[in-house]
């Protein structure tokens, strides 16, 4: 089997703040929709050097209501839980392990008959301003979407991975591009929610 991690290795990027997941360069990740845990459900994420950097596991059945985004050492970065609503689903993301306290972010799924291609609206629970949010918009191709900020700028984009010769890998191998100064761990948490919505996790 050929390499599934990103092929174009970029120079090391320096962190612009205290978070190791916010850098000054655009970062490219490869998402393999397979868990490292035997009989587990989740996905594995590699950086542009082919190094493991994130992993997602729910340790239960597929489409679980609770999943965990972890770093390469298994430290929980976000705990994600689905809140059942009467009409539409909502996913709450909590920092580190557990589901107590105020969520760090909330993802609300749009109704299927709403106009446009917006799948979800994202609110950051740690912000006082209601304007602090993202939108997840579906692209033309299957399993492809982009994340935009309040001004409409693209901060991240997910699509099926292709080789240097233009051949597409399987549906379970994806490429994620994250723009500079954007929290990569938060974007990966949003990707995780999209995987839950599409029943791929």
N, C-alpha and C. Protein backbone atom coordinates (compact mmCIF):
# COMPACT_ATOMS: atom_id res chain seq x y z
N UNK A 1 0.84 -1.19 0.00
CA UNK A 1 0.00 0.00 0.00
C UNK A 1 0.88 1.25 0.00
N UNK A 2 0.54 2.24 -0.84
CA UNK A 2 1.33 3.45 -0.93
C UNK A 2 1.16 4.32 0.30
N UNK A 3 2.02 5.34 0.39
CA UNK A 3 1.94 6.25 1.52
C UNK A 3 0.63 7.02 1.47
N UNK A 4 0.01 7.20 2.62
CA UNK A 4 -1.23 7.95 2.65
C UNK A 4 -1.07 9.29 3.35
N UNK A 5 0.13 9.54 3.92
CA UNK A 5 0.34 10.83 4.55
C UNK A 5 0.75 11.86 3.49
N UNK A 6 0.67 13.17 3.76
CA UNK A 6 0.99 14.19 2.77
C UNK A 6 2.36 13.99 2.18
N UNK A 7 2.47 14.23 0.86
CA UNK A 7 3.71 13.95 0.14
C UNK A 7 4.62 15.17 0.05
N UNK A 8 4.04 16.37 0.01
CA UNK A 8 4.86 17.56 -0.12
C UNK A 8 5.22 18.09 1.25
N UNK A 9 6.44 17.79 1.69
CA UNK A 9 6.88 18.15 3.04
C UNK A 9 7.30 19.61 3.05
N UNK A 10 6.68 20.39 3.91
CA UNK A 10 7.00 21.80 4.01
C UNK A 10 8.00 22.02 5.13
N UNK A 11 8.59 23.20 5.15
CA UNK A 11 9.55 23.53 6.19
C UNK A 11 8.83 23.70 7.51
N UNK A 12 9.53 23.47 8.61
CA UNK A 12 8.89 23.58 9.92
C UNK A 12 8.30 24.96 10.11
N UNK A 13 7.11 25.01 10.67
CA UNK A 13 6.45 26.30 10.90
C UNK A 13 6.55 26.65 12.37
N UNK A 14 6.75 27.90 12.62
CA UNK A 14 6.88 28.35 14.00
C UNK A 14 5.53 28.72 14.55
N UNK A 15 5.31 28.40 15.80
CA UNK A 15 4.04 28.71 16.44
C UNK A 15 3.95 30.19 16.71
N UNK A 16 2.75 30.75 16.43
CA UNK A 16 2.57 32.18 16.62
C UNK A 16 2.03 32.51 18.00
N UNK A 17 1.70 31.52 18.78
CA UNK A 17 1.20 31.78 20.12
C UNK A 17 1.54 30.57 20.98
N UNK A 18 0.98 30.53 22.18
CA UNK A 18 1.33 29.48 23.10
C UNK A 18 0.81 28.12 22.67
N UNK A 19 -0.21 28.08 21.83
CA UNK A 19 -0.77 26.82 21.39
C UNK A 19 0.10 26.17 20.33
N UNK A 20 0.41 24.88 20.47
CA UNK A 20 1.19 24.20 19.44
C UNK A 20 0.37 23.92 18.18
N UNK A 21 -0.93 24.20 18.24
CA UNK A 21 -1.81 23.91 17.12
C UNK A 21 -2.18 25.15 16.32
N UNK A 22 -1.50 26.27 16.60
CA UNK A 22 -1.67 27.49 15.81
C UNK A 22 -0.31 27.87 15.25
N UNK A 23 -0.16 27.87 13.93
CA UNK A 23 1.13 28.12 13.30
C UNK A 23 1.02 29.26 12.29
N UNK A 24 2.15 29.74 11.85
CA UNK A 24 2.20 30.87 10.91
C UNK A 24 2.12 30.43 9.46
N UNK A 25 2.13 29.13 9.20
CA UNK A 25 2.06 28.61 7.84
C UNK A 25 0.80 27.79 7.63
N UNK A 26 0.39 27.67 6.38
CA UNK A 26 -0.70 26.75 6.06
C UNK A 26 -0.21 25.33 6.31
N UNK A 27 -1.05 24.52 6.94
CA UNK A 27 -0.69 23.15 7.27
C UNK A 27 -1.59 22.16 6.52
N UNK A 28 -0.99 21.06 6.08
CA UNK A 28 -1.72 20.02 5.37
C UNK A 28 -1.67 18.73 6.18
N UNK A 29 -2.83 18.12 6.36
CA UNK A 29 -2.95 16.88 7.12
C UNK A 29 -3.61 15.80 6.26
N UNK A 30 -3.29 14.57 6.55
CA UNK A 30 -3.97 13.44 5.93
C UNK A 30 -4.79 12.73 6.99
N UNK A 31 -6.06 12.53 6.68
CA UNK A 31 -6.97 11.85 7.61
C UNK A 31 -7.29 10.47 7.07
N UNK A 32 -6.95 9.47 7.83
CA UNK A 32 -7.26 8.09 7.48
C UNK A 32 -8.41 7.65 8.38
N UNK A 33 -9.53 7.33 7.77
CA UNK A 33 -10.75 7.04 8.53
C UNK A 33 -10.71 5.63 9.13
N UNK A 34 -9.64 5.36 9.85
CA UNK A 34 -9.48 4.09 10.56
C UNK A 34 -8.93 4.37 11.95
N UNK A 35 -9.37 3.60 12.91
CA UNK A 35 -8.90 3.77 14.29
C UNK A 35 -7.65 2.94 14.53
N UNK A 36 -6.79 3.43 15.43
CA UNK A 36 -5.61 2.67 15.85
C UNK A 36 -5.96 1.65 16.92
N UNK A 37 -7.16 1.76 17.46
CA UNK A 37 -7.59 0.84 18.51
C UNK A 37 -8.24 -0.38 17.88
N UNK A 38 -7.82 -1.55 18.30
CA UNK A 38 -8.36 -2.79 17.76
C UNK A 38 -9.86 -2.86 18.05
N UNK A 39 -10.64 -3.09 16.99
CA UNK A 39 -12.10 -3.15 17.07
C UNK A 39 -12.71 -1.80 17.49
N UNK A 40 -11.93 -0.71 17.33
CA UNK A 40 -12.45 0.61 17.66
C UNK A 40 -12.96 1.33 16.43
N UNK A 41 -13.65 2.45 16.64
CA UNK A 41 -14.13 3.29 15.55
C UNK A 41 -13.53 4.68 15.72
N UNK A 42 -13.08 5.26 14.62
CA UNK A 42 -12.47 6.58 14.70
C UNK A 42 -11.65 6.88 13.46
N UNK A 43 -10.64 7.72 13.62
CA UNK A 43 -9.76 8.06 12.50
C UNK A 43 -8.38 8.42 13.03
N UNK A 44 -7.41 8.44 12.12
CA UNK A 44 -6.02 8.73 12.45
C UNK A 44 -5.54 9.86 11.55
N UNK A 45 -4.81 10.84 12.11
CA UNK A 45 -4.42 12.03 11.37
C UNK A 45 -2.90 12.17 11.38
N UNK A 46 -2.33 12.40 10.18
CA UNK A 46 -0.89 12.59 10.01
C UNK A 46 -0.62 14.01 9.53
N UNK A 47 0.54 14.56 9.94
CA UNK A 47 0.91 15.88 9.44
C UNK A 47 1.67 15.75 8.12
N UNK A 48 2.22 16.86 7.62
CA UNK A 48 2.87 16.86 6.31
C UNK A 48 4.18 16.07 6.29
N UNK A 49 4.69 15.69 7.46
CA UNK A 49 5.90 14.87 7.54
C UNK A 49 5.57 13.39 7.70
N UNK A 50 4.29 13.07 7.72
CA UNK A 50 3.90 11.68 7.91
C UNK A 50 3.89 11.25 9.36
N UNK A 51 3.94 12.24 10.28
CA UNK A 51 3.95 11.93 11.71
C UNK A 51 2.52 11.94 12.25
N UNK A 52 2.23 11.00 13.13
CA UNK A 52 0.93 10.96 13.77
C UNK A 52 0.77 12.20 14.65
N UNK A 53 -0.36 12.91 14.50
CA UNK A 53 -0.55 14.11 15.32
C UNK A 53 -1.91 14.14 16.02
N UNK A 54 -2.94 13.54 15.43
CA UNK A 54 -4.25 13.45 16.08
C UNK A 54 -4.82 12.06 15.89
N UNK A 55 -5.70 11.68 16.79
CA UNK A 55 -6.47 10.46 16.61
C UNK A 55 -7.83 10.63 17.27
N UNK A 56 -8.82 9.97 16.71
CA UNK A 56 -10.18 10.05 17.21
C UNK A 56 -10.67 8.64 17.49
N UNK A 57 -11.20 8.42 18.68
CA UNK A 57 -11.75 7.11 19.04
C UNK A 57 -13.00 7.30 19.87
N UNK A 58 -13.95 6.38 19.70
CA UNK A 58 -15.13 6.41 20.56
C UNK A 58 -15.23 5.16 21.43
N UNK A 59 -14.36 4.16 21.14
CA UNK A 59 -14.27 2.94 21.94
C UNK A 59 -15.61 2.19 22.00
N UNK A 60 -16.57 2.62 21.21
CA UNK A 60 -17.88 1.98 21.23
C UNK A 60 -18.30 1.67 19.80
N UNK A 61 -19.60 1.67 19.58
CA UNK A 61 -20.12 1.39 18.25
C UNK A 61 -19.97 2.62 17.36
N UNK A 62 -20.08 2.42 16.04
CA UNK A 62 -20.04 3.52 15.10
C UNK A 62 -21.21 4.47 15.38
N UNK A 63 -21.01 5.77 15.09
CA UNK A 63 -22.03 6.81 15.31
C UNK A 63 -22.37 6.97 16.79
N UNK A 64 -21.36 6.83 17.64
CA UNK A 64 -21.58 7.00 19.07
C UNK A 64 -21.95 8.45 19.38
N UNK A 65 -22.60 8.67 20.50
CA UNK A 65 -22.95 10.02 20.93
C UNK A 65 -21.80 10.72 21.63
N UNK A 66 -20.72 9.99 21.93
CA UNK A 66 -19.56 10.57 22.59
C UNK A 66 -18.28 10.09 21.92
N UNK A 67 -17.42 11.03 21.53
CA UNK A 67 -16.13 10.68 20.94
C UNK A 67 -15.06 11.59 21.54
N UNK A 68 -13.80 11.22 21.34
CA UNK A 68 -12.69 11.95 21.94
C UNK A 68 -11.61 12.22 20.89
N UNK A 69 -11.24 13.49 20.76
CA UNK A 69 -10.12 13.88 19.91
C UNK A 69 -8.88 13.94 20.77
N UNK A 70 -7.84 13.19 20.38
CA UNK A 70 -6.62 13.09 21.18
C UNK A 70 -5.39 13.47 20.37
N UNK A 71 -4.31 13.80 21.08
CA UNK A 71 -3.04 14.03 20.40
C UNK A 71 -2.34 12.69 20.19
N UNK A 72 -1.11 12.74 19.71
CA UNK A 72 -0.40 11.51 19.39
C UNK A 72 -0.10 10.65 20.61
N UNK A 73 -0.10 11.27 21.81
CA UNK A 73 0.18 10.54 23.04
C UNK A 73 -1.07 10.02 23.73
N UNK A 74 -2.22 10.27 23.12
CA UNK A 74 -3.47 9.81 23.73
C UNK A 74 -4.08 10.79 24.71
N UNK A 75 -3.51 12.01 24.80
CA UNK A 75 -4.07 13.05 25.67
C UNK A 75 -5.32 13.63 25.01
N UNK A 76 -6.43 13.66 25.75
CA UNK A 76 -7.68 14.16 25.19
C UNK A 76 -7.61 15.68 25.02
N UNK A 77 -7.87 16.15 23.79
CA UNK A 77 -7.91 17.57 23.50
C UNK A 77 -9.34 18.10 23.57
N UNK A 78 -10.27 17.34 22.99
CA UNK A 78 -11.68 17.70 23.01
C UNK A 78 -12.52 16.46 23.26
N UNK A 79 -13.51 16.61 24.12
CA UNK A 79 -14.54 15.59 24.30
C UNK A 79 -15.79 16.11 23.61
N UNK A 80 -16.33 15.32 22.70
CA UNK A 80 -17.46 15.76 21.87
C UNK A 80 -18.68 14.91 22.18
N UNK A 81 -19.79 15.58 22.47
CA UNK A 81 -21.00 14.87 22.85
C UNK A 81 -22.19 15.41 22.08
N UNK A 82 -23.02 14.50 21.58
CA UNK A 82 -24.23 14.90 20.87
C UNK A 82 -25.36 15.13 21.85
N UNK A 83 -26.00 16.29 21.72
CA UNK A 83 -27.17 16.60 22.52
C UNK A 83 -28.40 16.38 21.65
N UNK A 84 -29.31 15.54 22.11
CA UNK A 84 -30.50 15.23 21.33
C UNK A 84 -31.53 16.32 21.47
N UNK A 85 -31.89 16.91 20.34
CA UNK A 85 -32.93 17.92 20.30
C UNK A 85 -34.14 17.37 19.54
N UNK A 86 -35.26 18.03 19.67
CA UNK A 86 -36.47 17.53 19.04
C UNK A 86 -36.37 17.52 17.52
N UNK A 87 -35.74 18.54 16.96
CA UNK A 87 -35.72 18.67 15.50
C UNK A 87 -34.33 18.39 14.94
N UNK A 88 -33.34 19.17 15.35
CA UNK A 88 -32.00 19.06 14.79
C UNK A 88 -30.99 18.73 15.88
N UNK A 89 -29.90 18.10 15.47
CA UNK A 89 -28.88 17.71 16.42
C UNK A 89 -27.96 18.86 16.78
N UNK A 90 -27.33 18.75 17.93
CA UNK A 90 -26.32 19.70 18.36
C UNK A 90 -25.19 18.93 19.02
N UNK A 91 -23.96 19.31 18.68
CA UNK A 91 -22.78 18.66 19.25
C UNK A 91 -22.01 19.69 20.07
N UNK A 92 -21.71 19.33 21.31
CA UNK A 92 -20.95 20.19 22.21
C UNK A 92 -19.52 19.67 22.32
N UNK A 93 -18.57 20.58 22.25
CA UNK A 93 -17.16 20.22 22.40
C UNK A 93 -16.58 20.80 23.67
N UNK A 94 -16.03 19.93 24.51
CA UNK A 94 -15.45 20.34 25.80
C UNK A 94 -13.94 20.16 25.75
N UNK A 95 -13.23 21.09 26.35
CA UNK A 95 -11.77 20.98 26.43
C UNK A 95 -11.38 19.81 27.32
N UNK A 96 -10.39 19.04 26.86
CA UNK A 96 -9.86 17.90 27.61
C UNK A 96 -10.94 16.84 27.83
N UNK A 97 -10.78 16.02 28.85
CA UNK A 97 -11.71 14.94 29.09
C UNK A 97 -12.92 15.39 29.90
N UNK A 98 -14.01 14.66 29.74
CA UNK A 98 -15.22 14.95 30.50
C UNK A 98 -16.16 15.87 29.76
N UNK A 99 -17.38 15.98 30.31
CA UNK A 99 -18.43 16.76 29.67
C UNK A 99 -19.07 17.74 30.65
N UNK A 100 -18.29 18.23 31.59
CA UNK A 100 -18.81 19.16 32.58
C UNK A 100 -18.42 20.59 32.23
N UNK A 101 -19.21 21.52 32.76
CA UNK A 101 -18.92 22.93 32.53
C UNK A 101 -19.48 23.43 31.21
N UNK A 102 -19.03 24.61 30.83
CA UNK A 102 -19.51 25.24 29.60
C UNK A 102 -18.75 24.69 28.40
N UNK A 103 -19.46 24.33 27.32
CA UNK A 103 -18.77 23.81 26.13
C UNK A 103 -17.84 24.86 25.53
N UNK A 104 -16.73 24.40 24.99
CA UNK A 104 -15.80 25.31 24.29
C UNK A 104 -16.38 25.71 22.94
N UNK A 105 -17.10 24.80 22.29
CA UNK A 105 -17.78 25.14 21.04
C UNK A 105 -19.07 24.33 20.93
N UNK A 106 -19.99 24.82 20.08
CA UNK A 106 -21.23 24.13 19.78
C UNK A 106 -21.43 24.10 18.27
N UNK A 107 -21.83 22.95 17.77
CA UNK A 107 -22.12 22.80 16.34
C UNK A 107 -23.60 22.45 16.20
N UNK A 108 -24.32 23.26 15.45
CA UNK A 108 -25.74 23.01 15.20
C UNK A 108 -25.94 22.65 13.74
N UNK A 109 -26.61 21.52 13.51
CA UNK A 109 -26.86 21.07 12.15
C UNK A 109 -28.03 21.84 11.55
N UNK A 110 -27.87 22.29 10.31
CA UNK A 110 -28.94 22.98 9.62
C UNK A 110 -29.99 22.00 9.13
N UNK A 111 -31.20 22.49 8.93
CA UNK A 111 -32.25 21.63 8.38
C UNK A 111 -31.94 21.33 6.92
N UNK A 112 -32.34 20.16 6.45
CA UNK A 112 -32.01 19.70 5.10
C UNK A 112 -32.67 20.53 4.02
N UNK A 113 -33.76 21.22 4.35
CA UNK A 113 -34.47 22.00 3.34
C UNK A 113 -34.11 23.48 3.37
N UNK A 114 -33.10 23.84 4.16
CA UNK A 114 -32.68 25.23 4.20
C UNK A 114 -31.92 25.59 2.93
N UNK A 115 -31.91 26.85 2.60
CA UNK A 115 -31.24 27.29 1.38
C UNK A 115 -29.72 27.29 1.56
N UNK A 116 -29.02 27.17 0.42
CA UNK A 116 -27.57 27.22 0.46
C UNK A 116 -26.95 25.88 0.78
N UNK A 117 -25.62 25.90 0.91
CA UNK A 117 -24.87 24.66 1.14
C UNK A 117 -24.27 24.59 2.53
N UNK A 118 -24.78 25.38 3.46
CA UNK A 118 -24.26 25.38 4.83
C UNK A 118 -24.80 24.17 5.57
N UNK A 119 -23.89 23.29 6.00
CA UNK A 119 -24.28 22.09 6.74
C UNK A 119 -24.54 22.43 8.20
N UNK A 120 -23.59 23.19 8.79
CA UNK A 120 -23.66 23.47 10.23
C UNK A 120 -23.21 24.89 10.51
N UNK A 121 -23.67 25.41 11.64
CA UNK A 121 -23.18 26.66 12.19
C UNK A 121 -22.43 26.36 13.48
N UNK A 122 -21.31 27.03 13.67
CA UNK A 122 -20.44 26.76 14.82
C UNK A 122 -20.34 28.01 15.68
N UNK A 123 -20.64 27.87 16.96
CA UNK A 123 -20.49 28.96 17.92
C UNK A 123 -19.41 28.58 18.93
N UNK A 124 -18.57 29.54 19.23
CA UNK A 124 -17.51 29.31 20.22
C UNK A 124 -18.04 29.70 21.58
N UNK A 125 -18.19 28.73 22.47
CA UNK A 125 -18.80 28.95 23.76
C UNK A 125 -17.98 29.81 24.70
N UNK A 126 -16.67 29.95 24.42
CA UNK A 126 -15.84 30.74 25.31
C UNK A 126 -15.85 32.22 24.94
N UNK A 127 -16.52 32.55 23.84
CA UNK A 127 -16.57 33.94 23.41
C UNK A 127 -17.88 34.59 23.87
N UNK A 128 -17.83 35.84 24.26
CA UNK A 128 -19.01 36.57 24.68
C UNK A 128 -19.80 37.07 23.48
N UNK A 129 -19.10 37.34 22.38
CA UNK A 129 -19.76 37.89 21.21
C UNK A 129 -20.42 36.78 20.40
N UNK A 130 -21.67 37.02 20.00
CA UNK A 130 -22.38 36.02 19.21
C UNK A 130 -21.84 35.96 17.79
N UNK A 131 -21.06 36.96 17.40
CA UNK A 131 -20.51 37.00 16.05
C UNK A 131 -19.34 36.03 15.87
N UNK A 132 -18.81 35.54 16.98
CA UNK A 132 -17.65 34.64 16.89
C UNK A 132 -18.13 33.23 16.53
N UNK A 133 -18.11 32.91 15.25
CA UNK A 133 -18.60 31.60 14.82
C UNK A 133 -18.01 31.24 13.47
N UNK A 134 -18.18 29.99 13.10
CA UNK A 134 -17.77 29.49 11.79
C UNK A 134 -18.98 28.86 11.11
N UNK A 135 -18.86 28.66 9.83
CA UNK A 135 -19.85 27.92 9.06
C UNK A 135 -19.16 26.77 8.35
N UNK A 136 -19.79 25.60 8.33
CA UNK A 136 -19.28 24.45 7.60
C UNK A 136 -20.13 24.30 6.35
N UNK A 137 -19.50 24.42 5.20
CA UNK A 137 -20.22 24.42 3.93
C UNK A 137 -19.80 23.23 3.08
N UNK A 138 -20.78 22.55 2.53
CA UNK A 138 -20.52 21.38 1.69
C UNK A 138 -20.06 21.81 0.31
N UNK A 139 -19.06 21.09 -0.22
CA UNK A 139 -18.58 21.33 -1.57
C UNK A 139 -19.22 20.33 -2.52
N UNK A 140 -18.87 20.41 -3.78
CA UNK A 140 -19.52 19.58 -4.80
C UNK A 140 -19.26 18.09 -4.61
N UNK A 141 -18.02 17.76 -4.31
CA UNK A 141 -17.64 16.35 -4.26
C UNK A 141 -18.02 15.71 -2.92
N UNK A 142 -18.14 14.40 -2.93
CA UNK A 142 -18.50 13.65 -1.74
C UNK A 142 -17.42 13.79 -0.67
N UNK A 143 -17.85 13.97 0.57
CA UNK A 143 -16.97 14.08 1.74
C UNK A 143 -16.10 15.32 1.71
N UNK A 144 -16.45 16.30 0.87
CA UNK A 144 -15.66 17.53 0.78
C UNK A 144 -16.46 18.70 1.38
N UNK A 145 -15.78 19.51 2.19
CA UNK A 145 -16.42 20.70 2.72
C UNK A 145 -15.37 21.73 3.11
N UNK A 146 -15.81 22.94 3.35
CA UNK A 146 -14.92 24.01 3.77
C UNK A 146 -15.47 24.65 5.04
N UNK A 147 -14.58 25.23 5.82
CA UNK A 147 -14.95 25.96 7.02
C UNK A 147 -14.63 27.42 6.77
N UNK A 148 -15.63 28.30 6.95
CA UNK A 148 -15.43 29.73 6.73
C UNK A 148 -15.70 30.50 8.02
N UNK A 149 -15.07 31.67 8.12
CA UNK A 149 -15.29 32.52 9.29
C UNK A 149 -16.42 33.51 9.02
N UNK A 150 -16.60 34.46 9.92
CA UNK A 150 -17.73 35.38 9.81
C UNK A 150 -17.63 36.31 8.61
N UNK A 151 -16.42 36.51 8.08
CA UNK A 151 -16.26 37.36 6.90
C UNK A 151 -16.30 36.57 5.60
N UNK A 152 -16.52 35.26 5.71
CA UNK A 152 -16.60 34.42 4.52
C UNK A 152 -15.29 33.87 4.04
N UNK A 153 -14.20 34.15 4.76
CA UNK A 153 -12.89 33.63 4.37
C UNK A 153 -12.78 32.15 4.72
N UNK A 154 -12.15 31.39 3.83
CA UNK A 154 -11.95 29.96 4.07
C UNK A 154 -10.79 29.78 5.05
N UNK A 155 -11.06 29.09 6.15
CA UNK A 155 -10.01 28.83 7.14
C UNK A 155 -9.53 27.38 7.08
N UNK A 156 -10.33 26.50 6.47
CA UNK A 156 -9.93 25.10 6.33
C UNK A 156 -10.75 24.46 5.22
N UNK A 157 -10.18 23.43 4.59
CA UNK A 157 -10.88 22.73 3.52
C UNK A 157 -10.54 21.25 3.57
N UNK A 158 -11.55 20.42 3.44
CA UNK A 158 -11.37 18.96 3.47
C UNK A 158 -11.83 18.38 2.14
N UNK A 159 -11.01 17.47 1.59
CA UNK A 159 -11.37 16.84 0.32
C UNK A 159 -10.67 15.49 0.22
N UNK A 160 -11.08 14.70 -0.76
CA UNK A 160 -10.47 13.38 -0.95
C UNK A 160 -9.02 13.54 -1.37
N UNK A 161 -8.15 12.72 -0.79
CA UNK A 161 -6.73 12.82 -1.08
C UNK A 161 -6.40 12.25 -2.45
N UNK A 162 -5.49 12.92 -3.15
CA UNK A 162 -5.00 12.46 -4.44
C UNK A 162 -3.49 12.31 -4.40
N UNK A 163 -2.98 11.36 -5.18
CA UNK A 163 -1.53 11.17 -5.27
C UNK A 163 -0.93 12.27 -6.12
N UNK A 164 0.40 12.31 -6.18
CA UNK A 164 1.09 13.32 -6.99
C UNK A 164 0.79 13.16 -8.47
N UNK A 165 0.33 11.99 -8.88
CA UNK A 165 -0.02 11.74 -10.28
C UNK A 165 -1.50 11.99 -10.56
N UNK A 166 -2.22 12.44 -9.54
CA UNK A 166 -3.61 12.77 -9.75
C UNK A 166 -4.60 11.65 -9.51
N UNK A 167 -4.11 10.52 -9.00
CA UNK A 167 -5.00 9.40 -8.72
C UNK A 167 -5.59 9.56 -7.32
N UNK A 168 -6.89 9.36 -7.21
CA UNK A 168 -7.56 9.49 -5.92
C UNK A 168 -7.38 8.23 -5.09
N UNK A 169 -7.15 8.43 -3.79
CA UNK A 169 -7.13 7.29 -2.88
C UNK A 169 -8.57 6.90 -2.58
N UNK A 170 -8.76 5.94 -1.69
CA UNK A 170 -10.11 5.51 -1.35
C UNK A 170 -10.89 6.58 -0.61
N UNK A 171 -12.17 6.33 -0.43
CA UNK A 171 -13.03 7.30 0.26
C UNK A 171 -12.64 7.51 1.71
N UNK A 172 -11.82 6.61 2.26
CA UNK A 172 -11.43 6.72 3.67
C UNK A 172 -10.11 7.45 3.87
N UNK A 173 -9.56 8.07 2.81
CA UNK A 173 -8.32 8.83 2.92
C UNK A 173 -8.58 10.26 2.42
N UNK A 174 -8.46 11.24 3.33
CA UNK A 174 -8.82 12.61 3.03
C UNK A 174 -7.66 13.56 3.29
N UNK A 175 -7.69 14.73 2.65
CA UNK A 175 -6.70 15.77 2.87
C UNK A 175 -7.37 16.97 3.53
N UNK A 176 -6.75 17.46 4.60
CA UNK A 176 -7.26 18.63 5.30
C UNK A 176 -6.21 19.74 5.23
N UNK A 177 -6.60 20.89 4.73
CA UNK A 177 -5.72 22.07 4.68
C UNK A 177 -6.25 23.12 5.64
N UNK A 178 -5.37 23.60 6.52
CA UNK A 178 -5.75 24.60 7.53
C UNK A 178 -4.90 25.84 7.31
N UNK A 179 -5.56 26.99 7.25
CA UNK A 179 -4.87 28.25 6.99
C UNK A 179 -4.05 28.69 8.21
N UNK A 180 -3.10 29.62 8.01
CA UNK A 180 -2.28 30.11 9.13
C UNK A 180 -3.12 30.79 10.21
N UNK A 181 -2.61 30.76 11.43
CA UNK A 181 -3.23 31.41 12.58
C UNK A 181 -4.61 30.85 12.93
N UNK A 182 -4.89 29.63 12.52
CA UNK A 182 -6.15 28.96 12.83
C UNK A 182 -5.84 27.75 13.70
N UNK A 183 -6.63 27.56 14.74
CA UNK A 183 -6.41 26.45 15.68
C UNK A 183 -6.71 25.12 14.98
N UNK A 184 -5.66 24.35 14.71
CA UNK A 184 -5.80 23.09 13.99
C UNK A 184 -6.57 22.05 14.80
N UNK A 185 -6.42 22.09 16.11
CA UNK A 185 -7.14 21.12 16.93
C UNK A 185 -8.65 21.39 16.91
N UNK A 186 -9.05 22.66 16.89
CA UNK A 186 -10.47 23.01 16.79
C UNK A 186 -11.02 22.57 15.44
N UNK A 187 -10.27 22.84 14.37
CA UNK A 187 -10.71 22.42 13.03
C UNK A 187 -10.87 20.91 12.98
N UNK A 188 -9.93 20.18 13.58
CA UNK A 188 -10.02 18.72 13.59
C UNK A 188 -11.23 18.27 14.38
N UNK A 189 -11.58 18.99 15.43
CA UNK A 189 -12.78 18.66 16.20
C UNK A 189 -14.03 18.87 15.35
N UNK A 190 -14.04 19.92 14.52
CA UNK A 190 -15.18 20.15 13.62
C UNK A 190 -15.27 19.07 12.55
N UNK A 191 -14.11 18.63 12.05
CA UNK A 191 -14.08 17.51 11.10
C UNK A 191 -14.66 16.26 11.74
N UNK A 192 -14.36 16.06 13.02
CA UNK A 192 -14.88 14.91 13.74
C UNK A 192 -16.40 14.96 13.81
N UNK A 193 -16.96 16.14 14.09
CA UNK A 193 -18.41 16.28 14.13
C UNK A 193 -19.02 15.97 12.77
N UNK A 194 -18.39 16.44 11.71
CA UNK A 194 -18.89 16.14 10.36
C UNK A 194 -18.85 14.65 10.08
N UNK A 195 -17.83 13.97 10.59
CA UNK A 195 -17.76 12.52 10.44
C UNK A 195 -18.89 11.82 11.16
N UNK A 196 -19.28 12.38 12.31
CA UNK A 196 -20.41 11.82 13.05
C UNK A 196 -21.73 12.07 12.32
N UNK A 197 -21.87 13.26 11.75
CA UNK A 197 -23.10 13.59 11.03
C UNK A 197 -23.27 12.69 9.81
N UNK A 198 -22.16 12.45 9.10
CA UNK A 198 -22.21 11.61 7.89
C UNK A 198 -22.11 10.13 8.19
N UNK A 199 -22.06 9.78 9.50
CA UNK A 199 -22.02 8.40 9.96
C UNK A 199 -20.76 7.65 9.49
N UNK A 200 -19.64 8.36 9.44
CA UNK A 200 -18.37 7.74 9.06
C UNK A 200 -17.51 7.44 10.28
N UNK A 201 -17.94 7.88 11.46
CA UNK A 201 -17.21 7.60 12.70
C UNK A 201 -18.12 6.85 13.67
